[in-house]
Amino acid sequence: MSETFIGGCACGSIRYACDGTPVYMGKCHCRDCQRATGSAYFPAVVVKDADLKILAGEARWYESRADRGHAMRRGFCANCGSPVFLINTARANVTILYAGNLDDPSWFKPSRDIFVSSAQPWDLMHADLPKFDRMPG
C-alpha cells in the first residue's frame, strides 16, 4: 500500500494522514499491548515520521517500560480515550498507529504475530502468520 491513508480517534478530535508505505504491519500479543487495547493484541501499523502528518488535535501521553527497558509512549485522545499512537523509543523516526482507528482498516495485512507466549487462549491467530515469543531481531 503506497497511498495516503487517514485515521483518528473515535470522537474525531485527533486526525492524522500518512502518505507512504507502512514500514511494518503486525500483531503484538504482549500484556502491555493487551491492556492498552483492551483486547487480545495490538494491530500495529509502523510508519515513518516523515510520512505522518497530524491534521487535528493533540494526544495525551502515557509512558511505560518495555521488557528490554526502553520507554514505550502511548498517545491517546484526552476527550474520548481512544489509543492513537505508540512511540517505541528503541526505534527512531517511526510512529506506530493502531490499525483499528484507520478510516479504512480493511487494508491492514499483518506479517507476523509477536509475543505469542502472552497470547490469550480465546484469540484464534491466523495459522499462516509467523509466530514469535518475543520481538525478533
C-alpha atoms as a PDB file:
ATOM      1  CA  MET A   1       0.000   0.000   0.000  1.00  0.00           C
ATOM      2  CA  SER A   2       1.562   3.270  -1.065  1.00  0.00           C
ATOM      3  CA  GLU A   3      -1.176   5.839  -0.938  1.00  0.00           C
ATOM      4  CA  THR A   4      -2.426   8.390   1.519  1.00  0.00           C
ATOM      5  CA  PHE A   5      -4.401   6.905   4.375  1.00  0.00           C
ATOM      6  CA  ILE A   6      -6.110   8.739   7.197  1.00  0.00           C
ATOM      7  CA  GLY A   7      -7.451   7.993  10.625  1.00  0.00           C
ATOM      8  CA  GLY A   8      -8.067   9.303  14.094  1.00  0.00           C
ATOM      9  CA  CYS A   9      -9.728   8.787  17.428  1.00  0.00           C
ATOM     10  CA  ALA A  10     -13.365   7.793  18.000  1.00  0.00           C
ATOM     11  CA  CYS A  11     -14.628  11.340  18.572  1.00  0.00           C
ATOM     12  CA  GLY A  12     -12.631  12.918  15.735  1.00  0.00           C
ATOM     13  CA  SER A  13     -10.626  15.291  17.935  1.00  0.00           C
ATOM     14  CA  ILE A  14      -7.355  13.745  16.742  1.00  0.00           C
ATOM     15  CA  ARG A  15      -6.908  13.237  12.998  1.00  0.00           C
ATOM     16  CA  TYR A  16      -3.848  12.216  11.026  1.00  0.00           C
ATOM     17  CA  ALA A  17      -2.819  11.427   7.454  1.00  0.00           C
ATOM     18  CA  CYS A  18       0.049   9.302   6.241  1.00  0.00           C
ATOM     19  CA  ASP A  19       1.444   9.485   2.743  1.00  0.00           C
ATOM     20  CA  GLY A  20       3.658   6.475   2.179  1.00  0.00           C
ATOM     21  CA  THR A  21       4.018   2.751   2.549  1.00  0.00           C
ATOM     22  CA  PRO A  22       3.938   1.370   6.099  1.00  0.00           C
ATOM     23  CA  VAL A  23       7.308   0.089   7.310  1.00  0.00           C
ATOM     24  CA  TYR A  24       5.675  -2.882   9.016  1.00  0.00           C
ATOM     25  CA  MET A  25       2.276  -4.267   9.992  1.00  0.00           C
ATOM     26  CA  GLY A  26       1.843  -6.906  12.680  1.00  0.00           C
ATOM     27  CA  LYS A  27       0.029  -8.011  15.817  1.00  0.00           C
ATOM     28  CA  CYS A  28       1.585  -7.725  19.280  1.00  0.00           C
ATOM     29  CA  HIS A  29       0.197 -10.030  21.977  1.00  0.00           C
ATOM     30  CA  CYS A  30       2.263  -8.734  24.940  1.00  0.00           C
ATOM     31  CA  ARG A  31       0.384  -7.963  28.152  1.00  0.00           C
ATOM     32  CA  ASP A  32       1.162  -4.245  27.881  1.00  0.00           C
ATOM     33  CA  CYS A  33      -0.494  -4.074  24.451  1.00  0.00           C
ATOM     34  CA  GLN A  34      -3.428  -6.175  25.656  1.00  0.00           C
ATOM     35  CA  ARG A  35      -4.021  -3.711  28.489  1.00  0.00           C
ATOM     36  CA  ALA A  36      -3.599  -0.691  26.206  1.00  0.00           C
ATOM     37  CA  THR A  37      -6.108  -2.006  23.650  1.00  0.00           C
ATOM     38  CA  GLY A  38      -8.452  -3.822  25.997  1.00  0.00           C
ATOM     39  CA  SER A  39      -8.244  -6.779  23.633  1.00  0.00           C
ATOM     40  CA  ALA A  40      -6.141  -9.785  22.664  1.00  0.00           C
ATOM     41  CA  TYR A  41      -3.496  -7.873  20.705  1.00  0.00           C
ATOM     42  CA  PHE A  42      -2.383  -4.557  19.255  1.00  0.00           C
ATOM     43  CA  PRO A  43      -2.803  -4.355  15.452  1.00  0.00           C
ATOM     44  CA  ALA A  44       0.228  -2.183  14.701  1.00  0.00           C
ATOM     45  CA  VAL A  45       0.981  -0.122  11.603  1.00  0.00           C
ATOM     46  CA  VAL A  46       4.502   1.313  11.727  1.00  0.00           C
ATOM     47  CA  VAL A  47       5.001   4.444   9.615  1.00  0.00           C
ATOM     48  CA  LYS A  48       7.912   6.812   9.012  1.00  0.00           C
ATOM     49  CA  ASP A  49       7.610  10.045  10.982  1.00  0.00           C
ATOM     50  CA  ALA A  50       8.391  11.959   7.778  1.00  0.00           C
ATOM     51  CA  ASP A  51       5.246  10.451   6.173  1.00  0.00           C
ATOM     52  CA  LEU A  52       2.909  11.216   9.111  1.00  0.00           C
ATOM     53  CA  LYS A  53       1.012  14.495   9.395  1.00  0.00           C
ATOM     54  CA  ILE A  54      -1.154  15.458  12.364  1.00  0.00           C
ATOM     55  CA  LEU A  55      -4.227  17.177  10.928  1.00  0.00           C
ATOM     56  CA  ALA A  56      -6.089  17.981  14.145  1.00  0.00           C
ATOM     57  CA  GLY A  57      -5.788  17.636  17.872  1.00  0.00           C
ATOM     58  CA  GLU A  58      -3.066  16.717  20.270  1.00  0.00           C
ATOM     59  CA  ALA A  59      -2.525  13.432  22.055  1.00  0.00           C
ATOM     60  CA  ARG A  60      -2.018  12.979  25.774  1.00  0.00           C
ATOM     61  CA  TRP A  61       0.797  10.569  26.588  1.00  0.00           C
ATOM     62  CA  TYR A  62       1.317   7.650  28.944  1.00  0.00           C
ATOM     63  CA  GLU A  63       4.775   6.122  29.307  1.00  0.00           C
ATOM     64  CA  SER A  64       5.719   2.611  30.422  1.00  0.00           C
ATOM     65  CA  ARG A  65       8.839   0.437  30.150  1.00  0.00           C
ATOM     66  CA  ALA A  66       9.220  -2.368  27.627  1.00  0.00           C
ATOM     67  CA  ASP A  67      10.681  -5.731  28.585  1.00  0.00           C
ATOM     68  CA  ARG A  68      14.098  -4.544  27.338  1.00  0.00           C
ATOM     69  CA  GLY A  69      13.888  -1.377  29.464  1.00  0.00           C
ATOM     70  CA  HIS A  70      13.242   1.334  26.866  1.00  0.00           C
ATOM     71  CA  ALA A  71      10.271   3.704  27.042  1.00  0.00           C
ATOM     72  CA  MET A  72       7.006   2.975  25.271  1.00  0.00           C
ATOM     73  CA  ARG A  73       4.970   6.179  24.875  1.00  0.00           C
ATOM     74  CA  ARG A  74       1.273   5.692  24.101  1.00  0.00           C
ATOM     75  CA  GLY A  75      -0.675   8.662  22.754  1.00  0.00           C
ATOM     76  CA  PHE A  76      -4.426   8.775  23.291  1.00  0.00           C
ATOM     77  CA  CYS A  77      -7.291  11.219  22.939  1.00  0.00           C
ATOM     78  CA  ALA A  78      -7.972  13.077  26.183  1.00  0.00           C
ATOM     79  CA  ASN A  79     -11.601  13.549  25.120  1.00  0.00           C
ATOM     80  CA  CYS A  80     -12.723  10.005  24.147  1.00  0.00           C
ATOM     81  CA  GLY A  81      -9.808   7.902  25.440  1.00  0.00           C
ATOM     82  CA  SER A  82      -9.048   6.206  22.112  1.00  0.00           C
ATOM     83  CA  PRO A  83      -5.466   4.988  21.711  1.00  0.00           C
ATOM     84  CA  VAL A  84      -3.994   6.572  18.579  1.00  0.00           C
ATOM     85  CA  PHE A  85      -0.173   6.472  18.586  1.00  0.00           C
ATOM     86  CA  LEU A  86       2.677   4.462  20.064  1.00  0.00           C
ATOM     87  CA  ILE A  87       6.277   5.622  20.116  1.00  0.00           C
ATOM     88  CA  ASN A  88       8.797   2.897  20.858  1.00  0.00           C
ATOM     89  CA  THR A  89      11.928   4.829  21.883  1.00  0.00           C
ATOM     90  CA  ALA A  90      14.097   1.902  20.765  1.00  0.00           C
ATOM     91  CA  ARG A  91      13.142   2.708  17.156  1.00  0.00           C
ATOM     92  CA  ALA A  92      13.963   6.166  15.840  1.00  0.00           C
ATOM     93  CA  ASN A  93      11.977   8.091  13.225  1.00  0.00           C
ATOM     94  CA  VAL A  94       8.830   5.946  13.261  1.00  0.00           C
ATOM     95  CA  THR A  95       5.406   6.146  14.879  1.00  0.00           C
ATOM     96  CA  ILE A  96       3.098   3.200  15.376  1.00  0.00           C
ATOM     97  CA  LEU A  97      -0.596   3.601  14.580  1.00  0.00           C
ATOM     98  CA  TYR A  98      -3.474   1.476  15.850  1.00  0.00           C
ATOM     99  CA  ALA A  99      -4.988  -0.199  12.762  1.00  0.00           C
ATOM    100  CA  GLY A 100      -8.471  -0.046  14.280  1.00  0.00           C
ATOM    101  CA  ASN A 101      -8.558   3.743  14.156  1.00  0.00           C
ATOM    102  CA  LEU A 102      -7.778   3.994  10.444  1.00  0.00           C
ATOM    103  CA  ASP A 103     -10.724   5.301   8.440  1.00  0.00           C
ATOM    104  CA  ASP A 104     -10.407   2.148   6.311  1.00  0.00           C
ATOM    105  CA  PRO A 105      -8.771  -0.571   8.421  1.00  0.00           C
ATOM    106  CA  SER A 106      -9.628  -3.288   5.888  1.00  0.00           C
ATOM    107  CA  TRP A 107      -6.223  -2.990   4.171  1.00  0.00           C
ATOM    108  CA  PHE A 108      -4.336  -3.941   7.365  1.00  0.00           C
ATOM    109  CA  LYS A 109      -2.276  -7.014   6.450  1.00  0.00           C
ATOM    110  CA  PRO A 110      -0.219  -8.252   9.411  1.00  0.00           C
ATOM    111  CA  SER A 111       3.032 -10.006   8.559  1.00  0.00           C
ATOM    112  CA  ARG A 112       3.572 -11.764  11.911  1.00  0.00           C
ATOM    113  CA  ASP A 113       2.413 -12.275  15.489  1.00  0.00           C
ATOM    114  CA  ILE A 114       4.838 -11.296  18.258  1.00  0.00           C
ATOM    115  CA  PHE A 115       4.888 -12.043  21.991  1.00  0.00           C
ATOM    116  CA  VAL A 116       2.687 -15.069  21.358  1.00  0.00           C
ATOM    117  CA  SER A 117       3.811 -16.524  24.699  1.00  0.00           C
ATOM    118  CA  SER A 118       1.370 -13.962  26.192  1.00  0.00           C
ATOM    119  CA  ALA A 119      -1.408 -14.616  23.668  1.00  0.00           C
ATOM    120  CA  GLN A 120      -4.814 -15.335  25.127  1.00  0.00           C
ATOM    121  CA  PRO A 121      -6.247 -18.822  24.565  1.00  0.00           C
ATOM    122  CA  TRP A 122      -9.508 -17.344  23.268  1.00  0.00           C
ATOM    123  CA  ASP A 123      -7.689 -15.465  20.480  1.00  0.00           C
ATOM    124  CA  LEU A 124      -7.569 -17.569  17.327  1.00  0.00           C
ATOM    125  CA  MET A 125      -4.432 -16.475  15.495  1.00  0.00           C
ATOM    126  CA  HIS A 126      -4.064 -16.857  11.742  1.00  0.00           C
ATOM    127  CA  ALA A 127      -2.191 -20.136  11.171  1.00  0.00           C
ATOM    128  CA  ASP A 128      -0.197 -18.823   8.194  1.00  0.00           C
ATOM    129  CA  LEU A 129       1.471 -15.928  10.029  1.00  0.00           C
ATOM    130  CA  PRO A 130       4.929 -16.470  11.559  1.00  0.00           C
ATOM    131  CA  LYS A 131       4.844 -16.561  15.382  1.00  0.00           C
ATOM    132  CA  PHE A 132       7.485 -15.226  17.769  1.00  0.00           C
ATOM    133  CA  ASP A 133       7.646 -15.431  21.577  1.00  0.00           C
ATOM    134  CA  ARG A 134       9.449 -12.077  21.694  1.00  0.00           C
ATOM    135  CA  MET A 135      10.333  -9.233  19.363  1.00  0.00           C
ATOM    136  CA  PRO A 136      12.541 -10.692  16.625  1.00  0.00           C
ATOM    137  CA  GLY A 137      15.902  -9.115  15.893  1.00  0.00           C
END
